[in-house]
Amino acid sequence: MDEDVLSTPGHLISLAARGFARLSESRLKPLGFGVGQLPVLVALQNGKASTQRDLARFARIEQPPMAQMLARMERDGLIERTRDPADGRSSRIVSTKTAQERMPEAITVLFQGNKEALTGFTDAEAGQLVDLLKRLIGNLDQIATAAPSPGD
């Protein structure tokens, strides 16, 4: 076998993702955040989502893990749920003042971690890497949506 499975893009990206996750977790934990919570807080901050379903879609995770994460975030004082005035059966989710106050520092430490991880990369290389990863994610999303479900 000529190919090195440990040098495939999938494996290397997985290693990089785990490295970024460890770095981000260690820097976000003192601020009271987990790395998985940041997409939720960014979506709430930017008005991109306000329901559990929309947040799950935005963060690209399934509903059950999103429900668990939101329960932890509510327990930790990062979000609040309010009744949806248009639909009393559902709730709207908003970030708390505490989360909003901590977000700028969280974003700063994440950008710093990315900067450190890209040491030795030119700005053009870093930009190209981001562009390539976006294309890759787009391809993976397309494959996932085209793939038949088991049992189909």
N, C-alpha and C. Protein backbone atom coordinates (compact mmCIF):
# COMPACT_ATOMS: atom_id res chain seq x y z
N MET A 1 0.85 -1.18 0.00
CA MET A 1 0.00 0.00 0.00
C MET A 1 0.89 1.24 0.00
N ASP A 2 0.77 2.02 -1.06
CA ASP A 2 1.63 3.18 -1.22
C ASP A 2 1.14 4.41 -0.46
N GLU A 3 -0.16 4.46 -0.22
CA GLU A 3 -0.71 5.65 0.40
C GLU A 3 -0.58 5.59 1.92
N ASP A 4 -0.28 6.73 2.51
CA ASP A 4 -0.18 6.85 3.96
C ASP A 4 -1.49 7.42 4.48
N VAL A 5 -2.30 6.59 5.09
CA VAL A 5 -3.61 7.02 5.57
C VAL A 5 -3.49 8.15 6.60
N LEU A 6 -2.35 8.24 7.27
CA LEU A 6 -2.16 9.29 8.27
C LEU A 6 -1.77 10.63 7.65
N SER A 7 -1.60 10.64 6.32
CA SER A 7 -1.29 11.88 5.61
C SER A 7 -2.44 12.32 4.72
N THR A 8 -3.60 11.75 4.91
CA THR A 8 -4.75 12.15 4.11
C THR A 8 -5.33 13.46 4.65
N PRO A 9 -5.96 14.25 3.78
CA PRO A 9 -6.56 15.50 4.27
C PRO A 9 -7.53 15.28 5.43
N GLY A 10 -8.35 14.25 5.34
CA GLY A 10 -9.32 14.00 6.42
C GLY A 10 -8.66 13.80 7.76
N HIS A 11 -7.60 12.98 7.79
CA HIS A 11 -6.91 12.71 9.05
C HIS A 11 -6.20 13.97 9.56
N LEU A 12 -5.51 14.66 8.66
CA LEU A 12 -4.76 15.85 9.08
C LEU A 12 -5.70 16.96 9.56
N ILE A 13 -6.82 17.13 8.89
CA ILE A 13 -7.79 18.15 9.32
C ILE A 13 -8.38 17.76 10.67
N SER A 14 -8.61 16.48 10.87
CA SER A 14 -9.11 16.01 12.17
C SER A 14 -8.12 16.32 13.28
N LEU A 15 -6.84 16.07 13.02
CA LEU A 15 -5.81 16.40 14.02
C LEU A 15 -5.77 17.89 14.30
N ALA A 16 -5.83 18.69 13.23
CA ALA A 16 -5.81 20.15 13.40
C ALA A 16 -7.04 20.61 14.18
N ALA A 17 -8.20 20.05 13.87
CA ALA A 17 -9.42 20.43 14.57
C ALA A 17 -9.33 20.10 16.06
N ARG A 18 -8.81 18.93 16.37
CA ARG A 18 -8.67 18.57 17.79
C ARG A 18 -7.66 19.48 18.49
N GLY A 19 -6.60 19.83 17.79
CA GLY A 19 -5.62 20.76 18.36
C GLY A 19 -6.23 22.13 18.62
N PHE A 20 -6.98 22.65 17.65
CA PHE A 20 -7.65 23.92 17.85
C PHE A 20 -8.66 23.83 19.00
N ALA A 21 -9.39 22.73 19.08
CA ALA A 21 -10.38 22.57 20.15
C ALA A 21 -9.70 22.58 21.52
N ARG A 22 -8.59 21.85 21.66
CA ARG A 22 -7.87 21.84 22.95
C ARG A 22 -7.37 23.24 23.31
N LEU A 23 -6.79 23.92 22.33
CA LEU A 23 -6.27 25.27 22.55
C LEU A 23 -7.41 26.21 22.96
N SER A 24 -8.49 26.17 22.21
CA SER A 24 -9.62 27.06 22.49
C SER A 24 -10.26 26.75 23.84
N GLU A 25 -10.46 25.47 24.14
CA GLU A 25 -11.05 25.10 25.43
C GLU A 25 -10.22 25.62 26.59
N SER A 26 -8.91 25.46 26.50
CA SER A 26 -8.05 25.89 27.61
C SER A 26 -8.10 27.39 27.82
N ARG A 27 -8.32 28.13 26.74
CA ARG A 27 -8.36 29.60 26.86
C ARG A 27 -9.76 30.13 27.16
N LEU A 28 -10.78 29.39 26.77
CA LEU A 28 -12.15 29.85 27.01
C LEU A 28 -12.68 29.45 28.38
N LYS A 29 -12.17 28.34 28.93
CA LYS A 29 -12.67 27.84 30.20
C LYS A 29 -12.60 28.89 31.31
N PRO A 30 -11.49 29.63 31.45
CA PRO A 30 -11.46 30.65 32.51
C PRO A 30 -12.51 31.75 32.33
N LEU A 31 -13.02 31.90 31.10
CA LEU A 31 -14.05 32.91 30.84
C LEU A 31 -15.46 32.35 31.03
N GLY A 32 -15.53 31.05 31.35
CA GLY A 32 -16.83 30.42 31.58
C GLY A 32 -17.51 29.90 30.32
N PHE A 33 -16.74 29.74 29.23
CA PHE A 33 -17.28 29.26 27.97
C PHE A 33 -16.64 27.94 27.58
N GLY A 34 -17.39 27.19 26.78
CA GLY A 34 -16.84 26.02 26.10
C GLY A 34 -16.76 26.35 24.62
N VAL A 35 -15.86 25.70 23.91
CA VAL A 35 -15.66 26.01 22.49
C VAL A 35 -16.93 25.77 21.68
N GLY A 36 -17.73 24.78 22.03
CA GLY A 36 -18.95 24.48 21.30
C GLY A 36 -20.04 25.52 21.51
N GLN A 37 -19.91 26.31 22.57
CA GLN A 37 -20.92 27.32 22.88
C GLN A 37 -20.76 28.59 22.04
N LEU A 38 -19.56 28.81 21.52
CA LEU A 38 -19.30 30.06 20.81
C LEU A 38 -20.17 30.25 19.57
N PRO A 39 -20.37 29.23 18.73
CA PRO A 39 -21.27 29.45 17.59
C PRO A 39 -22.67 29.87 18.03
N VAL A 40 -23.15 29.30 19.12
CA VAL A 40 -24.48 29.66 19.63
C VAL A 40 -24.49 31.12 20.06
N LEU A 41 -23.49 31.52 20.83
CA LEU A 41 -23.46 32.90 21.32
C LEU A 41 -23.25 33.90 20.19
N VAL A 42 -22.45 33.53 19.20
CA VAL A 42 -22.25 34.42 18.03
C VAL A 42 -23.57 34.55 17.27
N ALA A 43 -24.28 33.44 17.06
CA ALA A 43 -25.56 33.49 16.35
C ALA A 43 -26.56 34.36 17.11
N LEU A 44 -26.60 34.24 18.42
CA LEU A 44 -27.51 35.07 19.22
C LEU A 44 -27.10 36.53 19.15
N GLN A 45 -25.82 36.79 19.24
CA GLN A 45 -25.30 38.15 19.22
C GLN A 45 -25.58 38.84 17.87
N ASN A 46 -25.44 38.08 16.79
CA ASN A 46 -25.61 38.65 15.45
C ASN A 46 -27.04 38.58 14.94
N GLY A 47 -27.96 38.04 15.76
CA GLY A 47 -29.35 37.95 15.34
C GLY A 47 -29.60 36.91 14.26
N LYS A 48 -28.68 35.95 14.11
CA LYS A 48 -28.82 34.92 13.07
C LYS A 48 -29.80 33.82 13.48
N ALA A 49 -30.03 33.68 14.76
CA ALA A 49 -30.91 32.62 15.24
C ALA A 49 -31.40 32.98 16.64
N SER A 50 -32.59 32.47 16.97
CA SER A 50 -33.11 32.71 18.32
C SER A 50 -33.93 31.53 18.84
N THR A 51 -34.02 30.46 18.05
CA THR A 51 -34.72 29.26 18.52
C THR A 51 -33.74 28.10 18.55
N GLN A 52 -34.09 27.08 19.29
CA GLN A 52 -33.22 25.91 19.37
C GLN A 52 -32.99 25.31 17.99
N ARG A 53 -34.03 25.20 17.19
CA ARG A 53 -33.90 24.62 15.85
C ARG A 53 -32.95 25.45 14.99
N ASP A 54 -33.12 26.77 15.01
CA ASP A 54 -32.26 27.64 14.21
C ASP A 54 -30.81 27.59 14.70
N LEU A 55 -30.63 27.53 16.00
CA LEU A 55 -29.27 27.44 16.55
C LEU A 55 -28.59 26.14 16.17
N ALA A 56 -29.34 25.04 16.21
CA ALA A 56 -28.79 23.74 15.81
C ALA A 56 -28.37 23.78 14.34
N ARG A 57 -29.20 24.36 13.52
CA ARG A 57 -28.89 24.46 12.09
C ARG A 57 -27.66 25.35 11.89
N PHE A 58 -27.61 26.48 12.58
CA PHE A 58 -26.49 27.42 12.45
C PHE A 58 -25.18 26.77 12.89
N ALA A 59 -25.22 26.06 14.02
CA ALA A 59 -24.01 25.44 14.58
C ALA A 59 -23.67 24.11 13.93
N ARG A 60 -24.60 23.61 13.08
CA ARG A 60 -24.42 22.35 12.37
C ARG A 60 -24.29 21.16 13.32
N ILE A 61 -25.19 21.13 14.29
CA ILE A 61 -25.27 19.97 15.18
C ILE A 61 -26.72 19.52 15.27
N GLU A 62 -26.92 18.32 15.71
CA GLU A 62 -28.26 17.75 15.82
C GLU A 62 -29.00 18.37 17.00
N GLN A 63 -30.33 18.22 16.96
CA GLN A 63 -31.18 18.80 18.00
C GLN A 63 -30.89 18.29 19.42
N PRO A 64 -30.75 16.96 19.64
CA PRO A 64 -30.52 16.51 21.03
C PRO A 64 -29.26 17.10 21.67
N PRO A 65 -28.10 17.09 20.99
CA PRO A 65 -26.93 17.72 21.62
C PRO A 65 -27.12 19.22 21.82
N MET A 66 -27.84 19.88 20.90
CA MET A 66 -28.10 21.31 21.08
C MET A 66 -28.95 21.54 22.31
N ALA A 67 -29.96 20.72 22.52
CA ALA A 67 -30.82 20.85 23.70
C ALA A 67 -30.00 20.70 24.98
N GLN A 68 -29.09 19.73 24.99
CA GLN A 68 -28.24 19.52 26.17
C GLN A 68 -27.32 20.72 26.39
N MET A 69 -26.73 21.22 25.31
CA MET A 69 -25.84 22.37 25.44
C MET A 69 -26.60 23.59 25.95
N LEU A 70 -27.78 23.84 25.40
CA LEU A 70 -28.57 24.99 25.85
C LEU A 70 -28.97 24.86 27.32
N ALA A 71 -29.27 23.65 27.76
CA ALA A 71 -29.60 23.44 29.17
C ALA A 71 -28.40 23.80 30.06
N ARG A 72 -27.20 23.37 29.64
CA ARG A 72 -25.99 23.71 30.40
C ARG A 72 -25.73 25.22 30.38
N MET A 73 -25.92 25.83 29.21
CA MET A 73 -25.69 27.27 29.09
C MET A 73 -26.68 28.06 29.95
N GLU A 74 -27.91 27.58 30.01
CA GLU A 74 -28.91 28.24 30.86
C GLU A 74 -28.52 28.08 32.33
N ARG A 75 -28.13 26.88 32.70
CA ARG A 75 -27.68 26.61 34.09
C ARG A 75 -26.50 27.51 34.47
N ASP A 76 -25.59 27.73 33.50
CA ASP A 76 -24.39 28.52 33.77
C ASP A 76 -24.61 30.02 33.60
N GLY A 77 -25.83 30.43 33.32
CA GLY A 77 -26.15 31.86 33.23
C GLY A 77 -25.70 32.53 31.95
N LEU A 78 -25.56 31.76 30.87
CA LEU A 78 -25.11 32.33 29.60
C LEU A 78 -26.27 32.68 28.66
N ILE A 79 -27.38 31.98 28.82
CA ILE A 79 -28.57 32.25 28.01
C ILE A 79 -29.80 32.27 28.88
N GLU A 80 -30.86 32.86 28.34
CA GLU A 80 -32.18 32.83 28.97
C GLU A 80 -33.18 32.47 27.89
N ARG A 81 -34.24 31.79 28.31
CA ARG A 81 -35.33 31.45 27.40
C ARG A 81 -36.53 32.33 27.75
N THR A 82 -37.17 32.83 26.72
CA THR A 82 -38.39 33.61 26.91
C THR A 82 -39.46 33.06 25.99
N ARG A 83 -40.70 33.22 26.38
CA ARG A 83 -41.82 32.76 25.54
C ARG A 83 -41.82 33.53 24.23
N ASP A 84 -42.07 32.81 23.16
CA ASP A 84 -42.21 33.43 21.85
C ASP A 84 -43.59 34.08 21.80
N PRO A 85 -43.67 35.40 21.62
CA PRO A 85 -44.98 36.06 21.61
C PRO A 85 -45.87 35.58 20.45
N ALA A 86 -45.25 35.13 19.36
CA ALA A 86 -46.03 34.67 18.21
C ALA A 86 -46.50 33.23 18.36
N ASP A 87 -45.79 32.44 19.19
CA ASP A 87 -46.13 31.02 19.36
C ASP A 87 -45.82 30.64 20.80
N GLY A 88 -46.84 30.60 21.62
CA GLY A 88 -46.68 30.33 23.05
C GLY A 88 -46.09 28.97 23.37
N ARG A 89 -46.08 28.05 22.39
CA ARG A 89 -45.51 26.72 22.63
C ARG A 89 -43.99 26.71 22.51
N SER A 90 -43.43 27.70 21.88
CA SER A 90 -41.98 27.71 21.70
C SER A 90 -41.36 28.87 22.47
N SER A 91 -40.05 28.82 22.55
CA SER A 91 -39.35 29.88 23.28
C SER A 91 -38.26 30.48 22.42
N ARG A 92 -37.93 31.70 22.75
CA ARG A 92 -36.81 32.41 22.13
C ARG A 92 -35.64 32.36 23.10
N ILE A 93 -34.47 32.32 22.53
CA ILE A 93 -33.27 32.22 23.36
C ILE A 93 -32.46 33.50 23.16
N VAL A 94 -32.00 34.06 24.26
CA VAL A 94 -31.17 35.27 24.22
C VAL A 94 -29.96 35.05 25.11
N SER A 95 -28.88 35.71 24.75
CA SER A 95 -27.69 35.64 25.61
C SER A 95 -27.88 36.61 26.78
N THR A 96 -27.32 36.24 27.90
CA THR A 96 -27.44 37.07 29.10
C THR A 96 -26.41 38.20 29.04
N LYS A 97 -26.59 39.14 29.93
CA LYS A 97 -25.65 40.26 30.03
C LYS A 97 -24.25 39.73 30.35
N THR A 98 -24.18 38.72 31.20
CA THR A 98 -22.89 38.11 31.56
C THR A 98 -22.19 37.58 30.32
N ALA A 99 -22.90 36.83 29.49
CA ALA A 99 -22.30 36.27 28.27
C ALA A 99 -21.88 37.39 27.34
N GLN A 100 -22.73 38.40 27.19
CA GLN A 100 -22.42 39.50 26.29
C GLN A 100 -21.17 40.25 26.74
N GLU A 101 -21.00 40.39 28.04
CA GLU A 101 -19.83 41.10 28.57
C GLU A 101 -18.55 40.30 28.38
N ARG A 102 -18.64 38.98 28.42
CA ARG A 102 -17.45 38.13 28.29
C ARG A 102 -17.07 37.84 26.83
N MET A 103 -18.02 38.01 25.91
CA MET A 103 -17.78 37.66 24.51
C MET A 103 -16.59 38.37 23.87
N PRO A 104 -16.41 39.67 24.06
CA PRO A 104 -15.26 40.32 23.41
C PRO A 104 -13.93 39.68 23.79
N GLU A 105 -13.75 39.34 25.06
CA GLU A 105 -12.50 38.71 25.48
C GLU A 105 -12.38 37.31 24.90
N ALA A 106 -13.50 36.59 24.83
CA ALA A 106 -13.49 35.25 24.25
C ALA A 106 -13.07 35.31 22.78
N ILE A 107 -13.61 36.25 22.06
CA ILE A 107 -13.26 36.40 20.65
C ILE A 107 -11.80 36.78 20.50
N THR A 108 -11.31 37.64 21.38
CA THR A 108 -9.91 38.04 21.34
C THR A 108 -8.99 36.84 21.55
N VAL A 109 -9.29 35.99 22.55
CA VAL A 109 -8.42 34.84 22.79
C VAL A 109 -8.49 33.83 21.65
N LEU A 110 -9.65 33.70 21.00
CA LEU A 110 -9.75 32.80 19.85
C LEU A 110 -8.93 33.31 18.67
N PHE A 111 -9.02 34.60 18.40
CA PHE A 111 -8.21 35.17 17.31
C PHE A 111 -6.72 35.03 17.61
N GLN A 112 -6.35 35.23 18.88
CA GLN A 112 -4.94 35.09 19.26
C GLN A 112 -4.47 33.66 19.06
N GLY A 113 -5.28 32.70 19.43
CA GLY A 113 -4.93 31.29 19.23
C GLY A 113 -4.77 30.95 17.76
N ASN A 114 -5.66 31.47 16.93
CA ASN A 114 -5.54 31.25 15.49
C ASN A 114 -4.26 31.88 14.95
N LYS A 115 -3.95 33.07 15.41
CA LYS A 115 -2.74 33.76 14.97
C LYS A 115 -1.50 32.94 15.34
N GLU A 116 -1.48 32.43 16.56
CA GLU A 116 -0.35 31.62 17.01
C GLU A 116 -0.25 30.32 16.21
N ALA A 117 -1.38 29.70 15.94
CA ALA A 117 -1.38 28.44 15.18
C ALA A 117 -0.90 28.65 13.75
N LEU A 118 -1.08 29.83 13.22
CA LEU A 118 -0.67 30.13 11.85
C LEU A 118 0.69 30.82 11.78
N THR A 119 1.46 30.72 12.85
CA THR A 119 2.81 31.27 12.84
C THR A 119 3.59 30.66 11.67
N GLY A 120 4.26 31.52 10.92
CA GLY A 120 5.03 31.06 9.77
C GLY A 120 4.24 31.07 8.47
N PHE A 121 2.93 31.28 8.54
CA PHE A 121 2.10 31.41 7.35
C PHE A 121 2.07 32.88 6.94
N THR A 122 2.15 33.14 5.66
CA THR A 122 1.94 34.51 5.20
C THR A 122 0.45 34.81 5.28
N ASP A 123 0.10 36.08 5.17
CA ASP A 123 -1.32 36.45 5.15
C ASP A 123 -2.01 35.79 3.96
N ALA A 124 -1.33 35.73 2.84
CA ALA A 124 -1.91 35.10 1.64
C ALA A 124 -2.13 33.61 1.87
N GLU A 125 -1.17 32.94 2.51
CA GLU A 125 -1.33 31.50 2.79
C GLU A 125 -2.48 31.26 3.76
N ALA A 126 -2.57 32.09 4.80
CA ALA A 126 -3.66 31.95 5.77
C ALA A 126 -5.00 32.16 5.07
N GLY A 127 -5.09 33.16 4.21
CA GLY A 127 -6.32 33.40 3.47
C GLY A 127 -6.65 32.25 2.53
N GLN A 128 -5.62 31.70 1.89
CA GLN A 128 -5.85 30.56 0.99
C GLN A 128 -6.33 29.35 1.78
N LEU A 129 -5.74 29.12 2.94
CA LEU A 129 -6.16 28.00 3.78
C LEU A 129 -7.65 28.14 4.14
N VAL A 130 -8.05 29.33 4.55
CA VAL A 130 -9.46 29.56 4.90
C VAL A 130 -10.35 29.31 3.69
N ASP A 131 -9.96 29.82 2.53
CA ASP A 131 -10.75 29.61 1.31
C ASP A 131 -10.87 28.13 0.97
N LEU A 132 -9.76 27.41 1.07
CA LEU A 132 -9.78 25.98 0.77
C LEU A 132 -10.65 25.21 1.75
N LEU A 133 -10.57 25.56 3.03
CA LEU A 133 -11.39 24.88 4.02
C LEU A 133 -12.87 25.16 3.80
N LYS A 134 -13.22 26.38 3.43
CA LYS A 134 -14.62 26.70 3.14
C LYS A 134 -15.12 25.86 1.96
N ARG A 135 -14.30 25.73 0.94
CA ARG A 135 -14.68 24.90 -0.22
C ARG A 135 -14.85 23.45 0.20
N LEU A 136 -13.93 22.96 1.02
CA LEU A 136 -13.99 21.58 1.49
C LEU A 136 -15.28 21.36 2.30
N ILE A 137 -15.58 22.27 3.19
CA ILE A 137 -16.80 22.15 4.00
C ILE A 137 -18.03 22.17 3.10
N GLY A 138 -18.02 23.02 2.11
CA GLY A 138 -19.13 23.05 1.15
C GLY A 138 -19.29 21.72 0.44
N ASN A 139 -18.18 21.13 0.01
CA ASN A 139 -18.23 19.81 -0.63
C ASN A 139 -18.79 18.76 0.32
N LEU A 140 -18.31 18.77 1.56
CA LEU A 140 -18.79 17.79 2.54
C LEU A 140 -20.27 17.97 2.84
N ASP A 141 -20.72 19.23 2.94
CA ASP A 141 -22.14 19.48 3.16
C ASP A 141 -22.97 18.96 1.98
N GLN A 142 -22.47 19.17 0.78
CA GLN A 142 -23.18 18.71 -0.41
C GLN A 142 -23.27 17.18 -0.45
N ILE A 143 -22.17 16.52 -0.10
CA ILE A 143 -22.16 15.06 -0.06
C ILE A 143 -23.15 14.55 1.00
N ALA A 144 -23.14 15.21 2.16
CA ALA A 144 -24.02 14.77 3.25
C ALA A 144 -25.48 14.93 2.89
N THR A 145 -25.83 15.99 2.20
CA THR A 145 -27.24 16.21 1.85
C THR A 145 -27.68 15.32 0.69
N ALA A 146 -26.72 14.88 -0.13
CA ALA A 146 -27.04 14.02 -1.28
C ALA A 146 -27.08 12.54 -0.89
N ALA A 147 -26.41 12.21 0.21
CA ALA A 147 -26.31 10.81 0.62
C ALA A 147 -27.66 10.28 1.10
N PRO A 148 -28.04 9.11 0.63
CA PRO A 148 -29.30 8.53 1.12
C PRO A 148 -29.17 8.11 2.58
N SER A 149 -30.27 8.20 3.29
CA SER A 149 -30.28 7.76 4.69
C SER A 149 -30.24 6.24 4.73
N PRO A 150 -29.69 5.66 5.80
CA PRO A 150 -29.72 4.20 5.92
C PRO A 150 -31.16 3.69 5.87
N GLY A 151 -31.36 2.66 5.11
CA GLY A 151 -32.69 2.09 4.98
C GLY A 151 -33.48 2.63 3.80
N ASP A 152 -32.90 3.64 3.11
CA ASP A 152 -33.58 4.18 1.91
C ASP A 152 -33.40 3.27 0.72
